[in-house]
Amino acid sequence: MRRYRIGEIASLSSLTERTIRYYEEQGLIKARRSEGGQRWYTDEDLVYLKRIIELKGLGFSLQEIRQIFEMKDADRSGNRRREALLAVYRKKYQEDISRLEALQKHIDELEWHIHQLEKAEDGFTECPGALCASCQYRARCTFFRSQ
């Protein structure tokens, strides 16, 4: 079993020593100690650190990550953990889809305003008028509906 000091594992994981200590305080990893009290880590710890990075990148909180890690000891077969992970991933997926849909609506609204402003020439004092009938956004244009 390979042993890494904190500086080595920080370099291998692309994390800072401070972050690794914080993850240890949060119960996500557990350093072993040498007789002199120096922290050391294993390849398994490196895997866990990379998994933390991956899950955080997917939007998981440290609390959610801890819960995922804690499942390992309670489920030797892995079946309950797999089902629980699937549920968590599906929930995150749906949350991201909802955010994406809201962002797309926002982008559509900005696109409409940009289009309207680009059509308005010479002073921008009123709606483009006659162009409204052929505008691809006429169904949502309050000026076109009121004419």
N, C-alpha and C. Protein backbone atom coordinates (compact mmCIF):
# COMPACT_ATOMS: atom_id res chain seq x y z
N MET A 1 0.86 -1.17 0.00
CA MET A 1 0.00 0.00 0.00
C MET A 1 0.91 1.24 0.00
N ARG A 2 0.68 2.11 -0.95
CA ARG A 2 1.47 3.34 -1.06
C ARG A 2 0.99 4.36 -0.04
N ARG A 3 1.94 5.08 0.54
CA ARG A 3 1.61 6.12 1.53
C ARG A 3 2.03 7.48 0.97
N TYR A 4 1.13 8.44 1.12
CA TYR A 4 1.40 9.80 0.64
C TYR A 4 1.33 10.78 1.80
N ARG A 5 2.26 11.70 1.82
CA ARG A 5 2.15 12.80 2.76
C ARG A 5 1.18 13.81 2.18
N ILE A 6 0.74 14.74 2.99
CA ILE A 6 -0.32 15.66 2.57
C ILE A 6 0.08 16.46 1.32
N GLY A 7 1.32 16.89 1.25
CA GLY A 7 1.76 17.65 0.08
C GLY A 7 1.72 16.82 -1.19
N GLU A 8 2.07 15.54 -1.07
CA GLU A 8 2.05 14.65 -2.23
C GLU A 8 0.62 14.40 -2.72
N ILE A 9 -0.26 14.13 -1.78
CA ILE A 9 -1.64 13.83 -2.19
C ILE A 9 -2.34 15.10 -2.70
N ALA A 10 -1.94 16.24 -2.16
CA ALA A 10 -2.48 17.51 -2.65
C ALA A 10 -2.07 17.70 -4.12
N SER A 11 -0.83 17.44 -4.41
CA SER A 11 -0.35 17.58 -5.78
C SER A 11 -1.04 16.58 -6.72
N LEU A 12 -1.18 15.35 -6.28
CA LEU A 12 -1.81 14.31 -7.11
C LEU A 12 -3.29 14.56 -7.35
N SER A 13 -3.95 15.18 -6.39
CA SER A 13 -5.40 15.41 -6.49
C SER A 13 -5.74 16.79 -7.04
N SER A 14 -4.74 17.65 -7.18
CA SER A 14 -4.94 19.04 -7.62
C SER A 14 -5.75 19.85 -6.60
N LEU A 15 -5.66 19.46 -5.34
CA LEU A 15 -6.31 20.19 -4.26
C LEU A 15 -5.23 20.83 -3.39
N THR A 16 -5.63 21.79 -2.61
CA THR A 16 -4.68 22.39 -1.67
C THR A 16 -4.63 21.56 -0.40
N GLU A 17 -3.55 21.70 0.34
CA GLU A 17 -3.45 21.00 1.63
C GLU A 17 -4.57 21.46 2.55
N ARG A 18 -4.88 22.72 2.49
CA ARG A 18 -5.96 23.26 3.33
C ARG A 18 -7.29 22.58 3.01
N THR A 19 -7.57 22.41 1.72
CA THR A 19 -8.82 21.76 1.31
C THR A 19 -8.85 20.32 1.80
N ILE A 20 -7.74 19.63 1.69
CA ILE A 20 -7.69 18.24 2.15
C ILE A 20 -7.93 18.16 3.65
N ARG A 21 -7.34 19.07 4.40
CA ARG A 21 -7.58 19.10 5.85
C ARG A 21 -9.06 19.39 6.14
N TYR A 22 -9.64 20.29 5.36
CA TYR A 22 -11.06 20.61 5.54
C TYR A 22 -11.93 19.38 5.27
N TYR A 23 -11.64 18.66 4.19
CA TYR A 23 -12.40 17.45 3.90
C TYR A 23 -12.24 16.42 5.02
N GLU A 24 -11.08 16.38 5.61
CA GLU A 24 -10.86 15.49 6.74
C GLU A 24 -11.72 15.93 7.93
N GLU A 25 -11.75 17.23 8.20
CA GLU A 25 -12.58 17.75 9.29
C GLU A 25 -14.06 17.44 9.06
N GLN A 26 -14.46 17.43 7.79
CA GLN A 26 -15.86 17.17 7.44
C GLN A 26 -16.18 15.67 7.42
N GLY A 27 -15.19 14.84 7.66
CA GLY A 27 -15.42 13.39 7.72
C GLY A 27 -15.47 12.72 6.36
N LEU A 28 -14.99 13.38 5.33
CA LEU A 28 -15.03 12.80 3.99
C LEU A 28 -13.86 11.84 3.76
N ILE A 29 -12.73 12.12 4.35
CA ILE A 29 -11.58 11.22 4.30
C ILE A 29 -11.00 11.16 5.71
N LYS A 30 -10.15 10.17 5.92
CA LYS A 30 -9.55 10.04 7.25
C LYS A 30 -8.06 9.75 7.07
N ALA A 31 -7.26 10.71 7.49
CA ALA A 31 -5.81 10.54 7.42
C ALA A 31 -5.36 9.59 8.52
N ARG A 32 -4.34 8.84 8.22
CA ARG A 32 -3.68 8.06 9.26
C ARG A 32 -2.54 8.92 9.77
N ARG A 33 -1.99 8.56 10.90
CA ARG A 33 -0.90 9.35 11.49
C ARG A 33 0.33 8.47 11.70
N SER A 34 1.45 9.05 11.40
CA SER A 34 2.71 8.36 11.69
C SER A 34 2.97 8.45 13.20
N GLU A 35 3.98 7.78 13.66
CA GLU A 35 4.31 7.83 15.09
C GLU A 35 4.62 9.25 15.52
N GLY A 36 5.15 10.04 14.59
CA GLY A 36 5.46 11.43 14.89
C GLY A 36 4.27 12.36 14.72
N GLY A 37 3.10 11.81 14.37
CA GLY A 37 1.89 12.61 14.23
C GLY A 37 1.66 13.20 12.85
N GLN A 38 2.52 12.85 11.90
CA GLN A 38 2.37 13.38 10.54
C GLN A 38 1.27 12.63 9.79
N ARG A 39 0.43 13.41 9.09
CA ARG A 39 -0.65 12.79 8.31
C ARG A 39 -0.05 12.01 7.14
N TRP A 40 -0.72 10.89 6.82
CA TRP A 40 -0.42 10.19 5.58
C TRP A 40 -1.68 9.58 5.02
N TYR A 41 -1.69 9.39 3.71
CA TYR A 41 -2.89 8.97 2.98
C TYR A 41 -2.53 7.81 2.06
N THR A 42 -3.56 7.13 1.57
CA THR A 42 -3.39 5.97 0.70
C THR A 42 -3.97 6.25 -0.68
N ASP A 43 -3.78 5.26 -1.56
CA ASP A 43 -4.38 5.34 -2.89
C ASP A 43 -5.91 5.44 -2.79
N GLU A 44 -6.49 4.77 -1.82
CA GLU A 44 -7.94 4.84 -1.62
C GLU A 44 -8.36 6.28 -1.29
N ASP A 45 -7.57 6.96 -0.48
CA ASP A 45 -7.88 8.36 -0.17
C ASP A 45 -7.81 9.22 -1.42
N LEU A 46 -6.84 8.93 -2.27
CA LEU A 46 -6.71 9.68 -3.53
C LEU A 46 -7.96 9.47 -4.40
N VAL A 47 -8.45 8.24 -4.44
CA VAL A 47 -9.67 7.95 -5.20
C VAL A 47 -10.84 8.75 -4.61
N TYR A 48 -10.95 8.77 -3.29
CA TYR A 48 -12.03 9.52 -2.64
C TYR A 48 -11.92 11.01 -2.93
N LEU A 49 -10.71 11.55 -2.91
CA LEU A 49 -10.54 12.98 -3.21
C LEU A 49 -10.96 13.29 -4.64
N LYS A 50 -10.59 12.43 -5.55
CA LYS A 50 -11.00 12.64 -6.96
C LYS A 50 -12.51 12.50 -7.12
N ARG A 51 -13.09 11.61 -6.35
CA ARG A 51 -14.56 11.44 -6.39
C ARG A 51 -15.25 12.68 -5.82
N ILE A 52 -14.69 13.26 -4.77
CA ILE A 52 -15.24 14.50 -4.21
C ILE A 52 -15.23 15.59 -5.26
N ILE A 53 -14.10 15.73 -5.95
CA ILE A 53 -13.98 16.74 -7.01
C ILE A 53 -15.04 16.52 -8.08
N GLU A 54 -15.21 15.26 -8.48
CA GLU A 54 -16.20 14.92 -9.51
C GLU A 54 -17.62 15.26 -9.05
N LEU A 55 -17.97 14.86 -7.85
CA LEU A 55 -19.33 15.08 -7.34
C LEU A 55 -19.60 16.57 -7.12
N LYS A 56 -18.61 17.30 -6.61
CA LYS A 56 -18.79 18.74 -6.45
C LYS A 56 -19.01 19.39 -7.81
N GLY A 57 -18.30 18.90 -8.83
CA GLY A 57 -18.48 19.42 -10.18
C GLY A 57 -19.88 19.16 -10.73
N LEU A 58 -20.52 18.14 -10.21
CA LEU A 58 -21.90 17.83 -10.62
C LEU A 58 -22.93 18.55 -9.75
N GLY A 59 -22.45 19.36 -8.81
CA GLY A 59 -23.36 20.15 -8.00
C GLY A 59 -23.72 19.56 -6.66
N PHE A 60 -23.04 18.52 -6.23
CA PHE A 60 -23.34 17.91 -4.95
C PHE A 60 -22.71 18.73 -3.83
N SER A 61 -23.43 18.86 -2.72
CA SER A 61 -22.88 19.53 -1.54
C SER A 61 -21.97 18.53 -0.80
N LEU A 62 -21.14 19.05 0.08
CA LEU A 62 -20.28 18.16 0.87
C LEU A 62 -21.11 17.24 1.76
N GLN A 63 -22.24 17.72 2.24
CA GLN A 63 -23.13 16.88 3.05
C GLN A 63 -23.67 15.72 2.22
N GLU A 64 -24.07 16.00 1.00
CA GLU A 64 -24.57 14.92 0.12
C GLU A 64 -23.45 13.93 -0.19
N ILE A 65 -22.25 14.44 -0.41
CA ILE A 65 -21.12 13.56 -0.70
C ILE A 65 -20.81 12.68 0.51
N ARG A 66 -20.85 13.25 1.70
CA ARG A 66 -20.61 12.47 2.91
C ARG A 66 -21.65 11.34 3.03
N GLN A 67 -22.90 11.66 2.75
CA GLN A 67 -23.95 10.64 2.82
C GLN A 67 -23.69 9.51 1.83
N ILE A 68 -23.23 9.88 0.65
CA ILE A 68 -22.89 8.85 -0.36
C ILE A 68 -21.75 7.97 0.15
N PHE A 69 -20.72 8.59 0.70
CA PHE A 69 -19.58 7.83 1.20
C PHE A 69 -19.97 6.95 2.37
N GLU A 70 -20.85 7.41 3.23
CA GLU A 70 -21.27 6.64 4.40
C GLU A 70 -22.05 5.40 4.00
N MET A 71 -22.65 5.39 2.83
CA MET A 71 -23.41 4.22 2.38
C MET A 71 -22.52 3.00 2.20
N LYS A 72 -21.25 3.23 1.92
CA LYS A 72 -20.33 2.12 1.65
C LYS A 72 -20.30 1.13 2.81
N ASP A 73 -20.20 1.61 4.03
CA ASP A 73 -20.11 0.74 5.19
C ASP A 73 -21.42 0.03 5.50
N ALA A 74 -22.53 0.64 5.15
CA ALA A 74 -23.84 0.07 5.47
C ALA A 74 -24.34 -0.91 4.42
N ASP A 75 -23.67 -0.98 3.27
CA ASP A 75 -24.19 -1.78 2.17
C ASP A 75 -23.04 -2.49 1.45
N ARG A 76 -22.66 -3.62 1.99
CA ARG A 76 -21.51 -4.36 1.41
C ARG A 76 -21.77 -4.84 -0.01
N SER A 77 -23.03 -5.17 -0.35
CA SER A 77 -23.32 -5.66 -1.70
C SER A 77 -23.30 -4.53 -2.71
N GLY A 78 -23.56 -3.33 -2.26
CA GLY A 78 -23.56 -2.18 -3.16
C GLY A 78 -24.90 -1.90 -3.80
N ASN A 79 -25.87 -2.79 -3.64
CA ASN A 79 -27.16 -2.62 -4.31
C ASN A 79 -27.94 -1.42 -3.77
N ARG A 80 -28.01 -1.28 -2.46
CA ARG A 80 -28.75 -0.13 -1.89
C ARG A 80 -28.04 1.18 -2.23
N ARG A 81 -26.74 1.15 -2.21
CA ARG A 81 -25.97 2.35 -2.54
C ARG A 81 -26.20 2.74 -4.00
N ARG A 82 -26.21 1.74 -4.88
CA ARG A 82 -26.45 2.01 -6.29
C ARG A 82 -27.82 2.63 -6.51
N GLU A 83 -28.84 2.08 -5.85
CA GLU A 83 -30.20 2.62 -5.97
C GLU A 83 -30.29 4.04 -5.40
N ALA A 84 -29.65 4.24 -4.25
CA ALA A 84 -29.66 5.57 -3.65
C ALA A 84 -28.92 6.58 -4.53
N LEU A 85 -27.80 6.15 -5.08
CA LEU A 85 -27.06 7.04 -5.98
C LEU A 85 -27.86 7.36 -7.23
N LEU A 86 -28.53 6.36 -7.77
CA LEU A 86 -29.38 6.63 -8.94
C LEU A 86 -30.45 7.67 -8.62
N ALA A 87 -31.06 7.54 -7.46
CA ALA A 87 -32.10 8.51 -7.06
C ALA A 87 -31.50 9.91 -6.93
N VAL A 88 -30.33 10.00 -6.31
CA VAL A 88 -29.70 11.31 -6.14
C VAL A 88 -29.30 11.89 -7.48
N TYR A 89 -28.70 11.08 -8.33
CA TYR A 89 -28.31 11.56 -9.67
C TYR A 89 -29.53 12.00 -10.48
N ARG A 90 -30.60 11.23 -10.41
CA ARG A 90 -31.82 11.61 -11.14
C ARG A 90 -32.39 12.93 -10.63
N LYS A 91 -32.35 13.12 -9.32
CA LYS A 91 -32.83 14.38 -8.74
C LYS A 91 -31.98 15.55 -9.23
N LYS A 92 -30.67 15.39 -9.17
CA LYS A 92 -29.77 16.44 -9.66
C LYS A 92 -30.01 16.71 -11.15
N TYR A 93 -30.20 15.66 -11.90
CA TYR A 93 -30.45 15.77 -13.33
C TYR A 93 -31.72 16.60 -13.59
N GLN A 94 -32.80 16.28 -12.88
CA GLN A 94 -34.06 17.01 -13.05
C GLN A 94 -33.90 18.47 -12.63
N GLU A 95 -33.18 18.72 -11.54
CA GLU A 95 -32.93 20.10 -11.11
C GLU A 95 -32.17 20.87 -12.19
N ASP A 96 -31.17 20.22 -12.78
CA ASP A 96 -30.39 20.89 -13.83
C ASP A 96 -31.23 21.12 -15.08
N ILE A 97 -32.09 20.18 -15.43
CA ILE A 97 -32.98 20.36 -16.58
C ILE A 97 -33.91 21.55 -16.33
N SER A 98 -34.44 21.65 -15.13
CA SER A 98 -35.32 22.78 -14.79
C SER A 98 -34.58 24.11 -14.90
N ARG A 99 -33.34 24.13 -14.39
CA ARG A 99 -32.54 25.36 -14.50
C ARG A 99 -32.23 25.68 -15.96
N LEU A 100 -31.96 24.65 -16.74
CA LEU A 100 -31.68 24.84 -18.16
C LEU A 100 -32.90 25.40 -18.89
N GLU A 101 -34.08 24.88 -18.57
CA GLU A 101 -35.31 25.38 -19.20
C GLU A 101 -35.56 26.83 -18.82
N ALA A 102 -35.34 27.16 -17.55
CA ALA A 102 -35.52 28.55 -17.12
C ALA A 102 -34.51 29.46 -17.80
N LEU A 103 -33.28 28.99 -17.93
CA LEU A 103 -32.26 29.78 -18.61
C LEU A 103 -32.61 29.96 -20.09
N GLN A 104 -33.16 28.91 -20.71
CA GLN A 104 -33.54 29.02 -22.12
C GLN A 104 -34.66 30.04 -22.30
N LYS A 105 -35.61 30.08 -21.38
CA LYS A 105 -36.66 31.10 -21.45
C LYS A 105 -36.07 32.50 -21.32
N HIS A 106 -35.13 32.64 -20.42
CA HIS A 106 -34.45 33.93 -20.23
C HIS A 106 -33.70 34.34 -21.50
N ILE A 107 -32.99 33.39 -22.10
CA ILE A 107 -32.26 33.66 -23.34
C ILE A 107 -33.23 34.04 -24.45
N ASP A 108 -34.35 33.34 -24.56
CA ASP A 108 -35.36 33.66 -25.57
C ASP A 108 -35.88 35.09 -25.39
N GLU A 109 -36.11 35.46 -24.14
CA GLU A 109 -36.60 36.81 -23.86
C GLU A 109 -35.56 37.86 -24.26
N LEU A 110 -34.32 37.62 -23.93
CA LEU A 110 -33.26 38.55 -24.34
C LEU A 110 -33.14 38.62 -25.85
N GLU A 111 -33.25 37.48 -26.51
CA GLU A 111 -33.18 37.44 -27.98
C GLU A 111 -34.30 38.28 -28.59
N TRP A 112 -35.50 38.17 -28.01
CA TRP A 112 -36.63 38.95 -28.51
C TRP A 112 -36.35 40.45 -28.37
N HIS A 113 -35.86 40.86 -27.22
CA HIS A 113 -35.57 42.28 -27.01
C HIS A 113 -34.47 42.77 -27.94
N ILE A 114 -33.44 41.96 -28.13
CA ILE A 114 -32.37 42.33 -29.06
C ILE A 114 -32.93 42.49 -30.46
N HIS A 115 -33.76 41.55 -30.88
CA HIS A 115 -34.36 41.60 -32.21
C HIS A 115 -35.19 42.87 -32.38
N GLN A 116 -35.98 43.19 -31.36
CA GLN A 116 -36.82 44.39 -31.45
C GLN A 116 -35.96 45.65 -31.52
N LEU A 117 -34.92 45.70 -30.73
CA LEU A 117 -34.06 46.90 -30.75
C LEU A 117 -33.27 47.01 -32.05
N GLU A 118 -32.91 45.89 -32.62
CA GLU A 118 -32.19 45.94 -33.90
C GLU A 118 -33.10 46.43 -35.03
N LYS A 119 -34.39 46.11 -34.95
CA LYS A 119 -35.33 46.55 -35.98
C LYS A 119 -35.69 48.02 -35.84
N ALA A 120 -35.62 48.54 -34.63
CA ALA A 120 -35.98 49.94 -34.39
C ALA A 120 -34.86 50.84 -34.92
N GLU A 121 -35.17 51.63 -35.91
CA GLU A 121 -34.16 52.51 -36.50
C GLU A 121 -34.52 53.95 -36.24
N ASP A 122 -33.56 54.81 -36.41
CA ASP A 122 -33.77 56.26 -36.38
C ASP A 122 -34.51 56.74 -35.15
N GLY A 123 -33.86 56.65 -34.02
CA GLY A 123 -34.38 57.33 -32.84
C GLY A 123 -35.04 56.48 -31.79
N PHE A 124 -35.48 55.32 -32.08
CA PHE A 124 -36.10 54.44 -31.10
C PHE A 124 -37.15 55.16 -30.25
N THR A 125 -38.15 55.68 -30.91
CA THR A 125 -39.22 56.36 -30.19
C THR A 125 -40.51 55.55 -30.17
N GLU A 126 -40.59 54.51 -31.00
CA GLU A 126 -41.81 53.71 -31.05
C GLU A 126 -41.52 52.32 -31.58
N CYS A 127 -42.51 51.49 -31.58
CA CYS A 127 -42.41 50.13 -32.10
C CYS A 127 -42.07 50.19 -33.59
N PRO A 128 -41.37 49.19 -34.11
CA PRO A 128 -41.06 49.19 -35.54
C PRO A 128 -42.29 49.24 -36.46
N GLY A 129 -43.46 49.05 -35.91
CA GLY A 129 -44.70 49.26 -36.66
C GLY A 129 -44.97 48.25 -37.74
N ALA A 130 -44.85 48.64 -38.98
CA ALA A 130 -45.24 47.80 -40.11
C ALA A 130 -44.48 46.48 -40.13
N LEU A 131 -43.32 46.44 -39.58
CA LEU A 131 -42.54 45.20 -39.57
C LEU A 131 -43.12 44.15 -38.64
N CYS A 132 -43.98 44.57 -37.70
CA CYS A 132 -44.52 43.63 -36.71
C CYS A 132 -45.26 42.46 -37.35
N ALA A 133 -45.99 42.69 -38.40
CA ALA A 133 -46.79 41.63 -39.00
C ALA A 133 -45.92 40.48 -39.52
N SER A 134 -44.70 40.77 -39.90
CA SER A 134 -43.83 39.72 -40.42
C SER A 134 -42.80 39.25 -39.39
N CYS A 135 -42.83 39.80 -38.20
CA CYS A 135 -41.85 39.47 -37.17
C CYS A 135 -42.10 38.08 -36.61
N GLN A 136 -41.05 37.32 -36.44
CA GLN A 136 -41.19 35.97 -35.89
C GLN A 136 -41.62 35.98 -34.43
N TYR A 137 -41.54 37.13 -33.77
CA TYR A 137 -41.91 37.25 -32.36
C TYR A 137 -43.26 37.94 -32.18
N ARG A 138 -44.03 38.12 -33.23
CA ARG A 138 -45.26 38.91 -33.14
C ARG A 138 -46.26 38.37 -32.12
N ALA A 139 -46.27 37.06 -31.89
CA ALA A 139 -47.22 36.47 -30.94
C ALA A 139 -46.96 36.94 -29.51
N ARG A 140 -45.76 37.34 -29.20
CA ARG A 140 -45.45 37.77 -27.85
C ARG A 140 -45.26 39.28 -27.75
N CYS A 141 -45.41 39.98 -28.83
CA CYS A 141 -45.17 41.41 -28.84
C CYS A 141 -46.42 42.16 -28.37
N THR A 142 -46.31 42.90 -27.30
CA THR A 142 -47.46 43.64 -26.77
C THR A 142 -47.87 44.76 -27.72
N PHE A 143 -46.95 45.29 -28.49
CA PHE A 143 -47.28 46.36 -29.43
C PHE A 143 -48.10 45.82 -30.59
N PHE A 144 -47.73 44.65 -31.12
CA PHE A 144 -48.45 44.07 -32.24
C PHE A 144 -49.86 43.68 -31.85
N ARG A 145 -50.03 43.14 -30.66
CA ARG A 145 -51.37 42.72 -30.21
C ARG A 145 -52.28 43.92 -29.99
N SER A 146 -51.71 45.07 -29.64
CA SER A 146 -52.54 46.22 -29.35
C SER A 146 -52.91 47.01 -30.60
N GLN A 147 -52.31 46.69 -31.74
CA GLN A 147 -52.60 47.46 -32.97
C GLN A 147 -53.84 46.93 -33.66
